[in-house]
């Protein structure tokens, strides 16, 4: 594993800087929007621009990488991301900010495509899971650390916007100076959302709603915190707690889901998430108990995406898995786009506390649909489940590009051999 990581140090360092900047700018814009007096609904639309860009970029970036290569795409998108954040600091307008958030989302989708396909190429079949685990820790930890950079300057000045631009520029340096050649790149065939729904309704609906929950948490979290907690340090801790929970619980939950079944874990996580939201509404804001509840909420909400993807893989034929990942990206992206807009509207009507009520409603729907599917369809044997590889938060395209292609190739070959054996048996019976 260490040899593989040494071959990827430049891209890992680069994405670490990018996620540090990403963690800071998402929170900064929510806080600054509150300072500037933007309406909550308007701010929600503005913040959703990032997820719109992520949705667009997840389809556009693979095409760009296949045409001009990893390093050029990473460099060009880093320049765009650096420029777009400076526009936020110079021009205070919510609709311009939304346009720049779309640009930022496209840029970060490209970063994920470049990084994940690069890591996937450099890792061996035996070390791929470990390398992706290190990657997950780096991006989640960097996003969490970025929250605390909010305390370095006043959010109503331009200093933090400049700092974000500088950090992004630093992230570009190791990529440009690497002596290792960039890997080749190939996109996979796709499976339509309709066909995927026919194969696994719960994976599609659960993935869409999970994307919606993630969009609400990170798109509107800073807006909620800036109105309830006020203190900048408290806001930083509030946003960081979601990511701390993800780091702590992502792998234990994945381990459990591999051994007791996906649907039971999805139902249990939904119940815990609903309970955490209710506790957060009534807890004393800024208390230790309040932050522990947020850690727990992040811990159960973040792994849900990986479980939905693994559940879909359990229900698909081996040759369908890679193509289906593209549709899962689209479904998750759609949820992440719409979640902040819908809940921001209700926050505007009923008050900022609807932030947690909105998350609770999303998980209530996941719970109800999971229970319906448990009653409508028998589960599969645990021995037939695919192994869950936890997808890093913030990278809904991770499964699309880093989904263990060697294992899939082997599975596809095995599947082809089984079909060939069945055809031979059928031929013998006819003779």
Protein backbone atom coordinates (compact mmCIF):
# COMPACT_ATOMS: atom_id res chain seq x y z
CA UNK A 1 0.00 0.00 0.00
CA UNK A 2 2.78 2.44 0.91
CA UNK A 3 4.31 2.06 -2.54
CA UNK A 4 0.95 2.90 -4.11
CA UNK A 5 0.50 5.93 -1.85
CA UNK A 6 4.04 7.13 -2.66
CA UNK A 7 3.13 7.03 -6.34
CA UNK A 8 0.04 9.16 -5.60
CA UNK A 9 1.45 11.69 -3.12
CA UNK A 10 1.07 14.64 -5.52
CA UNK A 11 -2.60 14.07 -6.28
CA UNK A 12 -3.40 13.31 -2.63
CA UNK A 13 -1.67 16.49 -1.46
CA UNK A 14 -3.39 18.47 -4.18
CA UNK A 15 -6.88 17.22 -3.36
CA UNK A 16 -6.16 17.80 0.34
CA UNK A 17 -5.58 21.50 -0.35
CA UNK A 18 -8.68 21.66 -2.55
CA UNK A 19 -10.91 20.15 0.12
CA UNK A 20 -9.42 22.47 2.75
CA UNK A 21 -10.56 25.37 0.57
CA UNK A 22 -13.91 23.70 -0.12
CA UNK A 23 -14.63 23.23 3.57
CA UNK A 24 -13.90 26.88 4.29
CA UNK A 25 -15.76 28.45 1.39
CA UNK A 26 -19.04 26.58 1.88
CA UNK A 27 -19.32 27.77 5.48
CA UNK A 28 -17.96 31.23 4.72
CA UNK A 29 -20.58 31.91 2.05
CA UNK A 30 -23.44 30.87 4.33
CA UNK A 31 -22.17 33.14 7.11
CA UNK A 32 -21.45 36.04 4.75
CA UNK A 33 -24.90 35.73 3.14
CA UNK A 34 -26.45 36.13 6.60
CA UNK A 35 -24.27 39.19 7.28
CA UNK A 36 -25.30 40.74 3.96
CA UNK A 37 -28.98 40.19 4.80
CA UNK A 38 -29.80 37.73 2.01
CA UNK A 39 -33.19 36.08 2.44
CA UNK A 40 -32.95 32.46 3.61
CA UNK A 41 -34.68 31.15 0.48
CA UNK A 42 -32.39 33.19 -1.76
CA UNK A 43 -29.35 31.91 0.11
CA UNK A 44 -30.61 28.34 -0.23
CA UNK A 45 -30.88 28.75 -4.00
CA UNK A 46 -27.41 30.29 -4.09
CA UNK A 47 -25.87 27.48 -2.06
CA UNK A 48 -27.54 24.83 -4.22
CA UNK A 49 -25.48 26.15 -7.14
CA UNK A 50 -22.54 24.06 -5.94
CA UNK A 51 -24.55 20.85 -6.20
CA UNK A 52 -25.90 21.88 -9.60
CA UNK A 53 -22.31 22.35 -10.73
CA UNK A 54 -21.31 19.02 -9.20
CA UNK A 55 -24.14 17.37 -11.12
CA UNK A 56 -23.08 18.99 -14.41
CA UNK A 57 -19.40 18.41 -13.79
CA UNK A 58 -19.84 14.71 -13.03
CA UNK A 59 -21.00 14.30 -16.64
CA UNK A 60 -18.70 16.88 -18.25
CA UNK A 61 -15.40 16.19 -16.48
CA UNK A 62 -14.93 12.58 -17.69
CA UNK A 63 -15.28 13.81 -21.27
CA UNK A 64 -12.69 16.56 -20.70
CA UNK A 65 -10.24 14.21 -19.01
CA UNK A 66 -10.51 11.67 -21.81
CA UNK A 67 -9.75 14.40 -24.35
CA UNK A 68 -6.96 16.51 -22.81
CA UNK A 69 -5.71 14.50 -19.84
CA UNK A 70 -5.72 14.62 -16.06
CA UNK A 71 -3.17 17.35 -15.39
CA UNK A 72 -4.56 19.88 -17.87
CA UNK A 73 -8.11 19.42 -16.61
CA UNK A 74 -7.04 19.69 -12.97
CA UNK A 75 -5.04 22.86 -13.72
CA UNK A 76 -7.76 24.54 -15.75
CA UNK A 77 -10.46 23.78 -13.18
CA UNK A 78 -8.22 24.95 -10.33
CA UNK A 79 -7.87 28.29 -12.10
CA UNK A 80 -11.65 28.50 -12.51
CA UNK A 81 -12.23 27.65 -8.84
CA UNK A 82 -9.66 30.23 -7.75
CA UNK A 83 -11.22 32.93 -9.92
CA UNK A 84 -14.80 32.14 -8.93
CA UNK A 85 -14.19 32.49 -5.18
CA UNK A 86 -12.62 35.92 -5.72
CA UNK A 87 -15.78 37.06 -7.53
CA UNK A 88 -17.68 36.32 -4.31
CA UNK A 89 -15.44 38.67 -2.37
CA UNK A 90 -15.54 41.51 -4.91
CA UNK A 91 -19.19 41.50 -6.02
CA UNK A 92 -21.88 41.01 -3.38
CA UNK A 93 -24.86 39.72 -5.32
CA UNK A 94 -26.70 36.46 -4.61
CA UNK A 95 -27.36 35.59 -8.25
CA UNK A 96 -23.75 36.19 -9.28
CA UNK A 97 -22.74 34.11 -6.28
CA UNK A 98 -25.01 31.31 -7.46
CA UNK A 99 -23.40 31.36 -10.91
CA UNK A 100 -19.97 31.19 -9.27
CA UNK A 101 -21.12 28.32 -7.05
CA UNK A 102 -22.08 26.41 -10.20
CA UNK A 103 -18.57 27.04 -11.56
CA UNK A 104 -17.10 25.88 -8.25
CA UNK A 105 -19.19 22.71 -8.32
CA UNK A 106 -18.08 21.89 -11.87
CA UNK A 107 -14.47 22.47 -10.83
CA UNK A 108 -14.66 20.18 -7.81
CA UNK A 109 -16.41 17.46 -9.82
CA UNK A 110 -13.40 17.58 -12.10
CA UNK A 111 -11.04 17.34 -9.13
CA UNK A 112 -12.84 14.21 -7.97
CA UNK A 113 -12.76 12.62 -11.43
CA UNK A 114 -9.03 13.30 -11.82
CA UNK A 115 -8.12 12.19 -8.31
CA UNK A 116 -10.22 9.07 -8.13
CA UNK A 117 -9.31 7.76 -11.56
CA UNK A 118 -5.63 8.53 -10.82
CA UNK A 119 -5.75 6.62 -7.53
CA UNK A 120 -7.66 3.81 -9.15
CA UNK A 121 -4.98 3.42 -11.79
CA UNK A 122 -2.05 3.52 -9.36
CA UNK A 123 -3.56 1.13 -6.80
CA UNK A 124 -3.26 -2.62 -7.17
CA UNK A 125 -6.17 -5.01 -6.82
CA UNK A 126 -5.07 -5.90 -3.29
CA UNK A 127 -4.50 -2.33 -2.07
CA UNK A 128 -7.30 -0.40 -3.80
CA UNK A 129 -9.62 -0.41 -0.79
CA UNK A 130 -6.86 0.77 1.56
CA UNK A 131 -5.77 3.55 -0.81
CA UNK A 132 -9.36 4.78 -1.16
CA UNK A 133 -9.68 4.68 2.62
CA UNK A 134 -6.68 7.00 2.96
CA UNK A 135 -8.24 9.22 0.31
CA UNK A 136 -11.51 9.33 2.26
CA UNK A 137 -9.69 10.33 5.44
CA UNK A 138 -7.78 13.07 3.59
CA UNK A 139 -10.78 14.73 1.97
CA UNK A 140 -13.08 14.41 4.98
CA UNK A 141 -10.36 15.55 7.39
CA UNK A 142 -9.41 18.46 5.11
CA UNK A 143 -13.02 19.60 4.82
CA UNK A 144 -13.32 19.45 8.59
CA UNK A 145 -10.09 21.39 9.11
CA UNK A 146 -11.28 24.00 6.63
CA UNK A 147 -14.14 24.91 8.96
CA UNK A 148 -11.71 26.25 11.54
CA UNK A 149 -9.97 28.56 9.04
CA UNK A 150 -13.12 30.67 9.35
CA UNK A 151 -11.65 32.01 12.60
CA UNK A 152 -8.55 33.52 10.92
CA UNK A 153 -10.28 36.70 9.74
CA UNK A 154 -13.61 38.49 9.81
CA UNK A 155 -16.09 36.91 7.37
CA UNK A 156 -17.33 40.35 6.31
CA UNK A 157 -13.88 41.22 4.85
CA UNK A 158 -12.33 39.92 1.64
CA UNK A 159 -9.38 38.27 3.44
CA UNK A 160 -10.91 34.79 3.71
CA UNK A 161 -11.91 34.81 0.05
CA UNK A 162 -8.31 35.59 -0.88
CA UNK A 163 -7.11 32.84 1.47
CA UNK A 164 -9.32 30.30 -0.29
CA UNK A 165 -7.89 31.34 -3.66
CA UNK A 166 -4.34 30.99 -2.29
CA UNK A 167 -5.06 27.52 -0.89
CA UNK A 168 -6.47 26.35 -4.23
CA UNK A 169 -3.35 27.67 -5.97
CA UNK A 170 -1.15 25.75 -3.52
CA UNK A 171 -3.09 22.61 -4.35
CA UNK A 172 -2.17 22.99 -7.99
CA UNK A 173 1.61 23.05 -7.39
CA UNK A 174 2.24 19.36 -6.55
CA UNK A 175 0.17 18.25 -9.56
CA UNK A 176 2.18 20.41 -11.95
CA UNK A 177 5.53 19.36 -10.49
CA UNK A 178 4.89 15.60 -10.38
CA UNK A 179 7.30 13.53 -12.44
CA UNK A 180 4.91 10.58 -12.59
CA UNK A 181 2.96 10.29 -15.85
CA UNK A 182 -0.79 10.71 -15.59
CA UNK A 183 -2.81 7.51 -16.11
CA UNK A 184 -4.91 6.72 -19.14
CA UNK A 185 -8.64 7.30 -18.81
CA UNK A 186 -11.69 5.45 -20.10
CA UNK A 187 -15.33 6.14 -19.35
CA UNK A 188 -17.78 3.32 -18.78
CA UNK A 189 -21.09 2.51 -20.40
CA UNK A 190 -24.21 3.70 -18.59
CA UNK A 191 -27.40 2.14 -17.30
CA UNK A 192 -30.53 4.31 -17.42
CA UNK A 193 -32.19 5.49 -14.22
CA UNK A 194 -35.42 3.72 -15.28
CA UNK A 195 -33.64 0.39 -15.73
CA UNK A 196 -31.85 0.88 -12.43
CA UNK A 197 -35.15 1.62 -10.70
CA UNK A 198 -36.65 -1.57 -12.11
CA UNK A 199 -33.71 -3.51 -10.70
CA UNK A 200 -33.63 -1.77 -7.32
CA UNK A 201 -36.28 0.85 -6.43
CA UNK A 202 -34.88 1.31 -2.91
CA UNK A 203 -31.37 2.06 -4.17
CA UNK A 204 -32.68 4.81 -6.49
CA UNK A 205 -35.11 6.44 -4.05
CA UNK A 206 -32.77 6.02 -1.09
CA UNK A 207 -29.86 7.47 -3.03
CA UNK A 208 -31.88 10.48 -4.19
CA UNK A 209 -33.14 11.21 -0.68
CA UNK A 210 -29.68 10.71 0.80
CA UNK A 211 -28.31 13.24 -1.67
CA UNK A 212 -31.08 15.59 -0.59
CA UNK A 213 -30.13 15.16 3.08
CA UNK A 214 -26.46 15.80 2.34
CA UNK A 215 -27.35 18.89 0.32
CA UNK A 216 -29.45 20.25 3.19
CA UNK A 217 -26.78 19.52 5.81
CA UNK A 218 -23.91 21.21 3.98
CA UNK A 219 -25.82 23.66 1.83
CA UNK A 220 -27.88 25.19 4.64
CA UNK A 221 -25.88 24.28 7.76
CA UNK A 222 -23.88 27.50 7.85
CA UNK A 223 -27.09 29.54 7.34
CA UNK A 224 -28.71 27.81 10.30
CA UNK A 225 -25.62 28.08 12.50
CA UNK A 226 -25.01 31.76 11.73
CA UNK A 227 -28.52 32.62 12.92
CA UNK A 228 -28.60 30.35 15.98
CA UNK A 229 -25.03 30.14 17.25
CA UNK A 230 -23.79 33.57 16.14
CA UNK A 231 -20.20 33.01 17.37
CA UNK A 232 -17.82 32.14 14.52
CA UNK A 233 -15.96 29.51 16.53
CA UNK A 234 -19.25 27.79 17.38
CA UNK A 235 -20.26 27.82 13.70
CA UNK A 236 -16.95 26.18 12.78
CA UNK A 237 -17.46 23.43 15.32
CA UNK A 238 -21.06 22.91 14.23
CA UNK A 239 -20.08 22.20 10.62
CA UNK A 240 -17.01 20.20 11.59
CA UNK A 241 -19.05 17.89 13.84
CA UNK A 242 -20.89 16.43 10.85
CA UNK A 243 -17.57 15.44 9.32
CA UNK A 244 -16.15 14.14 12.60
CA UNK A 245 -19.15 11.85 12.89
CA UNK A 246 -18.61 10.64 9.34
CA UNK A 247 -14.98 9.78 10.02
CA UNK A 248 -15.80 7.94 13.23
CA UNK A 249 -18.82 5.90 12.10
CA UNK A 250 -18.43 5.40 8.34
CA UNK A 251 -16.44 2.20 8.56
CA UNK A 252 -18.16 0.55 11.56
CA UNK A 253 -21.53 1.06 9.87
CA UNK A 254 -20.19 -0.36 6.61
CA UNK A 255 -18.80 -3.37 8.48
CA UNK A 256 -22.17 -4.01 10.13
CA UNK A 257 -24.11 -3.66 6.86
CA UNK A 258 -21.91 -6.32 5.27
CA UNK A 259 -22.93 -8.76 8.00
CA UNK A 260 -26.59 -8.13 8.87
CA UNK A 261 -28.06 -6.82 5.61
CA UNK A 262 -28.40 -3.38 4.01
CA UNK A 263 -32.11 -2.69 4.48
CA UNK A 264 -32.07 -3.27 8.23
CA UNK A 265 -29.10 -0.91 8.57
CA UNK A 266 -30.82 1.73 6.37
CA UNK A 267 -33.92 1.56 8.56
CA UNK A 268 -31.88 1.77 11.77
CA UNK A 269 -29.80 4.69 10.50
CA UNK A 270 -32.97 6.54 9.47
CA UNK A 271 -34.49 6.08 12.94
CA UNK A 272 -31.31 7.34 14.63
CA UNK A 273 -31.10 10.30 12.25
CA UNK A 274 -34.72 11.28 13.00
CA UNK A 275 -34.06 11.01 16.72
CA UNK A 276 -30.91 13.14 16.40
CA UNK A 277 -32.82 15.84 14.51
CA UNK A 278 -35.51 15.98 17.21
CA UNK A 279 -32.86 16.16 19.94
CA UNK A 280 -31.04 18.93 18.07
CA UNK A 281 -34.24 21.00 17.83
CA UNK A 282 -34.83 20.93 21.58
CA UNK A 283 -31.23 20.82 22.85
CA UNK A 284 -29.55 23.91 24.25
CA UNK A 285 -27.77 25.42 21.27
CA UNK A 286 -24.00 25.47 21.65
CA UNK A 287 -23.97 22.98 24.54
CA UNK A 288 -21.73 19.90 24.58
CA UNK A 289 -24.81 17.70 24.24
CA UNK A 290 -25.88 19.65 21.14
CA UNK A 291 -22.50 19.07 19.45
CA UNK A 292 -22.52 15.37 20.34
CA UNK A 293 -25.95 15.07 18.71
CA UNK A 294 -24.55 16.69 15.55
CA UNK A 295 -21.63 14.24 15.56
CA UNK A 296 -24.12 11.37 15.78
CA UNK A 297 -26.28 12.85 13.02
CA UNK A 298 -23.29 13.22 10.70
CA UNK A 299 -22.18 9.71 11.61
CA UNK A 300 -25.45 8.10 10.51
CA UNK A 301 -26.29 10.43 7.60
CA UNK A 302 -22.99 10.34 5.71
CA UNK A 303 -22.62 6.54 5.30
CA UNK A 304 -26.11 6.18 3.85
CA UNK A 305 -24.87 6.91 0.32
CA UNK A 306 -22.35 4.07 0.38
CA UNK A 307 -24.97 1.67 1.70
CA UNK A 308 -27.42 2.64 -1.07
CA UNK A 309 -24.74 2.06 -3.70
CA UNK A 310 -23.77 -1.29 -2.15
CA UNK A 311 -27.45 -2.30 -2.02
CA UNK A 312 -27.79 -1.50 -5.73
CA UNK A 313 -24.69 -3.58 -6.48
CA UNK A 314 -26.20 -6.49 -4.56
CA UNK A 315 -29.21 -6.44 -6.88
CA UNK A 316 -27.37 -6.05 -10.19
CA UNK A 317 -25.59 -8.47 -12.46
CA UNK A 318 -21.79 -8.03 -12.44
CA UNK A 319 -21.72 -6.61 -15.96
CA UNK A 320 -24.27 -3.90 -14.98
CA UNK A 321 -22.53 -2.45 -11.94
CA UNK A 322 -20.14 0.06 -13.48
CA UNK A 323 -22.77 1.39 -15.90
CA UNK A 324 -25.30 1.76 -13.08
CA UNK A 325 -22.91 3.91 -11.06
CA UNK A 326 -23.36 6.79 -13.51
CA UNK A 327 -27.11 6.76 -12.92
CA UNK A 328 -26.58 6.66 -9.16
CA UNK A 329 -24.45 9.79 -9.54
CA UNK A 330 -27.25 11.55 -11.40
CA UNK A 331 -29.90 10.53 -8.85
CA UNK A 332 -27.78 11.63 -5.90
CA UNK A 333 -26.88 14.89 -7.62
CA UNK A 334 -30.53 15.67 -8.33
CA UNK A 335 -31.36 15.19 -4.66
CA UNK A 336 -28.46 17.36 -3.54
CA UNK A 337 -29.56 20.13 -5.92
CA UNK A 338 -33.19 20.20 -4.85
CA UNK A 339 -32.79 19.63 -1.10
CA UNK A 340 -31.36 23.04 -0.15
CA UNK A 341 -33.88 24.91 -2.32
CA UNK A 342 -36.95 23.12 -0.93
CA UNK A 343 -35.93 23.28 2.73
CA UNK A 344 -34.71 26.89 2.44
CA UNK A 345 -38.21 27.81 1.27
CA UNK A 346 -39.73 26.28 4.41
CA UNK A 347 -37.02 27.82 6.61
CA UNK A 348 -38.09 31.17 5.21
CA UNK A 349 -41.73 30.44 6.08
CA UNK A 350 -41.47 28.65 9.42
CA UNK A 351 -38.13 29.72 10.83
CA UNK A 352 -34.57 28.49 10.87
CA UNK A 353 -35.37 25.46 13.07
CA UNK A 354 -37.00 23.85 10.04
CA UNK A 355 -33.41 22.97 9.06
CA UNK A 356 -33.52 19.94 11.35
CA UNK A 357 -37.19 19.23 10.69
CA UNK A 358 -36.37 19.09 6.97
CA UNK A 359 -33.57 16.56 7.50
CA UNK A 360 -35.90 14.51 9.73
CA UNK A 361 -38.62 14.47 7.05
CA UNK A 362 -36.14 13.21 4.45
CA UNK A 363 -35.06 10.34 6.69
CA UNK A 364 -38.66 9.60 7.59
CA UNK A 365 -39.40 9.05 3.89
CA UNK A 366 -36.31 6.84 3.58
CA UNK A 367 -37.50 4.81 6.58
CA UNK A 368 -41.04 4.38 5.25
CA UNK A 369 -39.88 3.41 1.76
CA UNK A 370 -37.34 0.97 3.22
CA UNK A 371 -40.06 -0.72 5.29
CA UNK A 372 -42.33 -0.91 2.23
CA UNK A 373 -39.56 -2.59 0.21
CA UNK A 374 -38.79 -5.02 3.04
CA UNK A 375 -42.41 -6.11 2.89
CA UNK A 376 -42.54 -6.19 -0.91
CA UNK A 377 -39.34 -8.06 -1.70
CA UNK A 378 -37.32 -10.76 0.00
CA UNK A 379 -33.77 -9.97 0.99
CA UNK A 380 -30.74 -11.68 -0.51
CA UNK A 381 -28.36 -14.01 1.29
CA UNK A 382 -25.52 -12.27 3.12
CA UNK A 383 -23.05 -14.46 1.24
CA UNK A 384 -24.28 -12.92 -2.03
CA UNK A 385 -23.79 -9.32 -0.91
CA UNK A 386 -21.00 -7.27 -2.44
CA UNK A 387 -18.42 -5.82 -0.07
CA UNK A 388 -19.09 -2.21 0.86
CA UNK A 389 -16.35 0.25 -0.01
CA UNK A 390 -17.23 3.45 1.83
CA UNK A 391 -17.54 6.34 -0.58
CA UNK A 392 -15.92 9.55 0.66
CA UNK A 393 -18.37 12.31 1.38
CA UNK A 394 -18.44 15.05 -1.20
CA UNK A 395 -17.62 12.64 -4.01
CA UNK A 396 -20.86 11.21 -5.35
CA UNK A 397 -18.89 10.23 -8.47
CA UNK A 398 -16.49 8.08 -6.46
CA UNK A 399 -18.42 4.90 -7.21
CA UNK A 400 -18.59 5.87 -10.88
CA UNK A 401 -14.84 6.01 -11.36
CA UNK A 402 -13.18 4.16 -8.50
CA UNK A 403 -15.43 1.16 -8.26
CA UNK A 404 -12.79 -1.56 -8.24
CA UNK A 405 -12.68 -2.31 -11.99
CA UNK A 406 -10.45 -5.35 -11.58
CA UNK A 407 -12.99 -7.07 -9.37
CA UNK A 408 -15.73 -6.05 -11.78
CA UNK A 409 -13.75 -7.41 -14.73
CA UNK A 410 -13.31 -10.69 -12.91
CA UNK A 411 -16.98 -10.78 -11.99
CA UNK A 412 -17.98 -10.02 -15.57
CA UNK A 413 -15.74 -12.83 -16.82
CA UNK A 414 -17.21 -15.19 -14.26
CA UNK A 415 -20.72 -14.12 -15.24
CA UNK A 416 -19.92 -14.73 -18.91
CA UNK A 417 -18.56 -18.20 -18.14
CA UNK A 418 -21.70 -19.05 -16.16
CA UNK A 419 -23.90 -17.97 -19.06
CA UNK A 420 -21.73 -20.01 -21.46
CA UNK A 421 -22.07 -23.08 -19.24
CA UNK A 422 -25.84 -22.61 -19.12
CA UNK A 423 -25.96 -22.37 -22.94
CA UNK A 424 -23.89 -25.55 -23.27
CA UNK A 425 -26.17 -27.37 -20.85
CA UNK A 426 -29.21 -26.20 -22.79
CA UNK A 427 -27.62 -27.34 -26.05
CA UNK A 428 -26.88 -30.78 -24.60
CA UNK A 429 -30.47 -31.13 -23.41
CA UNK A 430 -31.78 -30.23 -26.87
CA UNK A 431 -29.47 -32.78 -28.50
